[in-house]
Amino acid sequence: MGFIELFLTGVGLSMDAFAVAICKGLGMRKIRWRDALVIALFFGGFQALMPLIGWAAGSLFASTITAVDHWIAFGLLAFIGGKMLWDAFHEEDSPCVCGRDCATCQRRGGADCDDPEAARQAPIAPPLDYRELVMLAIATSIDALAVGITFAFLGVNIWVAIAIIGVTTFVLSLVGVVVGNQFGSRFEKPATIAGGIVLILIGLKILIEHLAG
């Protein structure tokens, strides 16, 4: 896999983190850049760590299944991408529950809120819950663990790969916080769909290259 494939893989994997970062941005009446950077660091760091763990595990038995490694890589990427598409098209739109954490109502001064006074008095941004951040970072990077296994089969330079994936996720997570704060959740579903399609296409490319070669 070259730089382009690794970059696109990083983009595809980071879409879950991007979507969660949008939600985090929604919870801020005004962006606190320190919090935005911490969120991006958590997501980017775990997104880089998980492929490394997967690569280490895959390296232990990669030599024994060389004949089918391309099928495994395709299957894992297609499954992850398909899961992202399924989630995007089958998740229910959560209604806005007005209150202290409803950023949309807060930015409008509580005009559309059941409790406008609470909305106006709410803090600009709730304090970060680091335990929650760790759980979210793990949840959004589990897919990268499986991708790390495919890196072992394909002989990818793991250090280059995790650097690209980590930096890509960091940048997109930071963008996600800004997008969520400024525009709401309208880009959350399209981002998840795009990420799923990208991963499926990369899996197909790997499979076709091996079958044709």
Protein backbone atom coordinates (compact mmCIF):
# COMPACT_ATOMS: atom_id res chain seq x y z
CA MET A 1 0.00 0.00 0.00
CA GLY A 2 1.31 3.41 -1.01
CA PHE A 3 0.81 6.80 0.58
CA ILE A 4 -2.51 7.43 -1.21
CA GLU A 5 -4.01 4.12 -0.06
CA LEU A 6 -2.78 4.64 3.50
CA PHE A 7 -4.12 8.19 3.56
CA LEU A 8 -7.53 7.09 2.26
CA THR A 9 -7.55 4.25 4.80
CA GLY A 10 -6.84 6.81 7.50
CA VAL A 11 -9.68 9.01 6.25
CA GLY A 12 -12.08 6.07 6.17
CA LEU A 13 -11.13 4.90 9.66
CA SER A 14 -11.36 8.39 11.11
CA MET A 15 -14.99 8.94 10.09
CA ASP A 16 -16.33 7.45 13.33
CA ALA A 17 -14.06 9.75 15.31
CA PHE A 18 -15.11 12.65 13.07
CA ALA A 19 -18.78 11.94 13.77
CA VAL A 20 -18.21 11.77 17.54
CA ALA A 21 -16.13 14.96 17.39
CA ILE A 22 -19.10 16.67 15.71
CA CYS A 23 -21.24 15.65 18.68
CA LYS A 24 -18.62 17.06 21.03
CA GLY A 25 -18.67 20.32 19.09
CA LEU A 26 -22.45 20.39 19.39
CA GLY A 27 -22.07 20.40 23.17
CA MET A 28 -20.04 23.63 23.16
CA ARG A 29 -21.72 27.02 22.99
CA LYS A 30 -18.31 28.39 22.04
CA ILE A 31 -15.25 26.42 21.00
CA ARG A 32 -12.59 25.98 23.65
CA TRP A 33 -9.48 25.20 21.61
CA ARG A 34 -7.73 23.45 24.47
CA ASP A 35 -10.61 20.98 24.77
CA ALA A 36 -10.79 20.57 20.99
CA LEU A 37 -7.07 19.71 20.87
CA VAL A 38 -7.41 17.22 23.72
CA ILE A 39 -10.34 15.51 21.97
CA ALA A 40 -8.35 15.31 18.72
CA LEU A 41 -5.28 13.96 20.54
CA PHE A 42 -7.29 11.20 22.20
CA PHE A 43 -8.94 10.12 18.96
CA GLY A 44 -5.77 10.42 16.88
CA GLY A 45 -3.65 8.63 19.48
CA PHE A 46 -5.94 5.65 19.86
CA GLN A 47 -6.50 5.48 16.10
CA ALA A 48 -2.72 5.10 15.71
CA LEU A 49 -2.33 2.67 18.62
CA MET A 50 -4.95 0.16 17.52
CA PRO A 51 -3.41 -0.69 14.10
CA LEU A 52 -0.07 -1.20 15.86
CA ILE A 53 -1.65 -3.74 18.21
CA GLY A 54 -3.42 -5.44 15.29
CA TRP A 55 -0.19 -5.50 13.25
CA ALA A 56 1.72 -7.08 16.15
CA ALA A 57 -0.94 -9.78 16.51
CA GLY A 58 -1.18 -10.39 12.76
CA SER A 59 2.60 -10.65 12.37
CA LEU A 60 2.62 -13.73 14.60
CA PHE A 61 0.74 -15.83 12.06
CA ALA A 62 0.96 -13.86 8.79
CA SER A 63 3.48 -16.28 7.25
CA THR A 64 1.15 -19.25 7.68
CA ILE A 65 -1.75 -17.79 5.67
CA THR A 66 0.03 -15.95 2.87
CA ALA A 67 -2.08 -17.73 0.23
CA VAL A 68 -5.30 -16.16 1.49
CA ASP A 69 -4.04 -12.91 3.03
CA HIS A 70 -5.63 -10.77 0.30
CA TRP A 71 -9.02 -12.39 0.93
CA ILE A 72 -8.67 -11.70 4.65
CA ALA A 73 -7.69 -8.08 3.98
CA PHE A 74 -10.65 -7.64 1.63
CA GLY A 75 -13.04 -9.35 4.04
CA LEU A 76 -12.01 -7.21 7.00
CA LEU A 77 -12.11 -3.92 5.10
CA ALA A 78 -15.41 -4.80 3.42
CA PHE A 79 -16.93 -5.81 6.76
CA ILE A 80 -15.80 -2.60 8.47
CA GLY A 81 -16.97 -0.46 5.55
CA GLY A 82 -20.27 -2.33 5.33
CA LYS A 83 -20.83 -1.91 9.06
CA MET A 84 -20.30 1.84 8.73
CA LEU A 85 -22.84 1.99 5.88
CA TRP A 86 -25.34 -0.10 7.84
CA ASP A 87 -25.00 2.13 10.89
CA ALA A 88 -25.38 5.27 8.77
CA PHE A 89 -28.60 4.11 7.11
CA HIS A 90 -30.21 2.35 10.07
CA GLU A 91 -29.46 4.55 13.05
CA GLU A 92 -32.39 6.56 14.28
CA ASP A 93 -32.14 10.32 14.32
CA SER A 94 -32.01 11.31 17.96
CA PRO A 95 -34.34 14.19 18.79
CA CYS A 96 -32.99 17.31 20.39
CA VAL A 97 -33.69 17.04 24.08
CA CYS A 98 -33.65 20.62 25.30
CA GLY A 99 -31.73 21.39 28.43
CA ARG A 100 -28.33 22.45 29.68
CA ASP A 101 -26.40 20.40 27.12
CA CYS A 102 -28.44 21.37 24.05
CA ALA A 103 -25.93 23.54 22.19
CA THR A 104 -28.31 24.48 19.37
CA CYS A 105 -30.84 25.87 21.82
CA GLN A 106 -28.10 27.55 23.83
CA ARG A 107 -26.69 29.36 20.80
CA ARG A 108 -30.18 30.65 20.03
CA GLY A 109 -30.51 31.97 23.56
CA GLY A 110 -33.04 29.29 24.46
CA ALA A 111 -35.60 30.48 21.91
CA ASP A 112 -36.63 26.93 20.94
CA CYS A 113 -36.01 25.32 24.29
CA ASP A 114 -38.46 24.02 26.85
CA ASP A 115 -36.31 25.66 29.51
CA PRO A 116 -34.83 28.83 27.93
CA GLU A 117 -33.49 30.16 31.21
CA ALA A 118 -31.47 26.98 31.79
CA ALA A 119 -30.17 27.19 28.23
CA ARG A 120 -29.02 30.79 28.68
CA GLN A 121 -27.29 30.02 31.97
CA ALA A 122 -25.55 26.86 30.74
CA PRO A 123 -21.73 26.92 30.60
CA ILE A 124 -20.01 27.70 27.30
CA ALA A 125 -18.70 24.13 27.26
CA PRO A 126 -19.08 21.37 29.84
CA PRO A 127 -15.78 20.15 31.34
CA LEU A 128 -14.16 17.24 29.55
CA ASP A 129 -14.80 13.83 31.02
CA TYR A 130 -11.52 12.01 30.40
CA ARG A 131 -12.93 8.63 31.28
CA GLU A 132 -15.65 9.14 28.69
CA LEU A 133 -13.05 10.33 26.17
CA VAL A 134 -11.01 7.14 26.62
CA MET A 135 -14.11 5.00 26.10
CA LEU A 136 -15.11 6.98 23.01
CA ALA A 137 -11.57 6.83 21.61
CA ILE A 138 -11.46 3.05 22.05
CA ALA A 139 -14.94 2.60 20.57
CA THR A 140 -14.12 4.68 17.47
CA SER A 141 -10.75 2.96 16.90
CA ILE A 142 -11.69 -0.72 17.29
CA ASP A 143 -12.06 -1.02 13.50
CA ALA A 144 -8.45 0.12 13.14
CA LEU A 145 -7.38 -2.95 15.12
CA ALA A 146 -8.64 -5.20 12.34
CA VAL A 147 -7.01 -3.01 9.70
CA GLY A 148 -3.71 -3.39 11.56
CA ILE A 149 -3.98 -7.15 11.06
CA THR A 150 -4.29 -6.61 7.30
CA PHE A 151 -1.15 -4.44 7.40
CA ALA A 152 0.78 -7.43 8.73
CA PHE A 153 -0.45 -9.60 5.86
CA LEU A 154 0.37 -6.97 3.25
CA GLY A 155 3.85 -6.13 4.55
CA VAL A 156 2.99 -2.47 5.14
CA ASN A 157 5.51 -0.25 6.94
CA ILE A 158 3.57 -0.02 10.18
CA TRP A 159 5.30 3.10 11.49
CA VAL A 160 4.49 5.09 8.38
CA ALA A 161 0.95 3.71 8.40
CA ILE A 162 0.13 4.59 12.01
CA ALA A 163 1.71 8.04 11.60
CA ILE A 164 -0.53 8.79 8.61
CA ILE A 165 -3.64 7.34 10.29
CA GLY A 166 -2.98 9.10 13.59
CA VAL A 167 -2.31 12.52 12.05
CA THR A 168 -5.27 12.20 9.68
CA THR A 169 -7.62 11.31 12.53
CA PHE A 170 -6.24 14.12 14.70
CA VAL A 171 -6.84 16.72 11.98
CA LEU A 172 -10.32 15.45 11.05
CA SER A 173 -11.36 15.20 14.71
CA LEU A 174 -10.31 18.80 15.24
CA VAL A 175 -12.29 19.77 12.14
CA GLY A 176 -15.23 17.72 13.44
CA VAL A 177 -15.41 19.74 16.66
CA VAL A 178 -15.48 22.96 14.64
CA VAL A 179 -18.06 21.62 12.17
CA GLY A 180 -20.30 20.39 14.98
CA ASN A 181 -20.10 23.71 16.77
CA GLN A 182 -20.75 25.79 13.67
CA PHE A 183 -23.06 23.71 11.50
CA GLY A 184 -24.59 21.04 13.72
CA SER A 185 -24.82 17.33 12.86
CA ARG A 186 -25.78 17.64 9.18
CA PHE A 187 -22.38 16.26 8.01
CA GLU A 188 -22.29 13.33 10.43
CA LYS A 189 -24.19 10.80 8.28
CA PRO A 190 -22.53 11.73 4.93
CA ALA A 191 -19.10 11.42 6.56
CA THR A 192 -19.88 7.92 7.85
CA ILE A 193 -21.21 6.84 4.43
CA ALA A 194 -18.13 8.21 2.66
CA GLY A 195 -15.81 6.45 5.11
CA GLY A 196 -17.54 3.10 4.59
CA ILE A 197 -17.39 3.38 0.79
CA VAL A 198 -13.68 4.30 0.87
CA LEU A 199 -12.77 1.25 2.98
CA ILE A 200 -14.77 -1.12 0.76
CA LEU A 201 -13.10 0.28 -2.39
CA ILE A 202 -9.63 -0.10 -0.87
CA GLY A 203 -10.44 -3.71 0.01
CA LEU A 204 -11.59 -4.36 -3.56
CA LYS A 205 -8.40 -2.80 -4.91
CA ILE A 206 -6.24 -5.08 -2.75
CA LEU A 207 -8.19 -8.16 -3.82
CA ILE A 208 -8.14 -7.29 -7.55
CA GLU A 209 -4.40 -6.54 -7.48
CA HIS A 210 -3.59 -9.90 -5.91
CA LEU A 211 -5.92 -11.87 -8.20
CA ALA A 212 -4.61 -10.10 -11.28
CA GLY A 213 -0.97 -10.42 -10.23
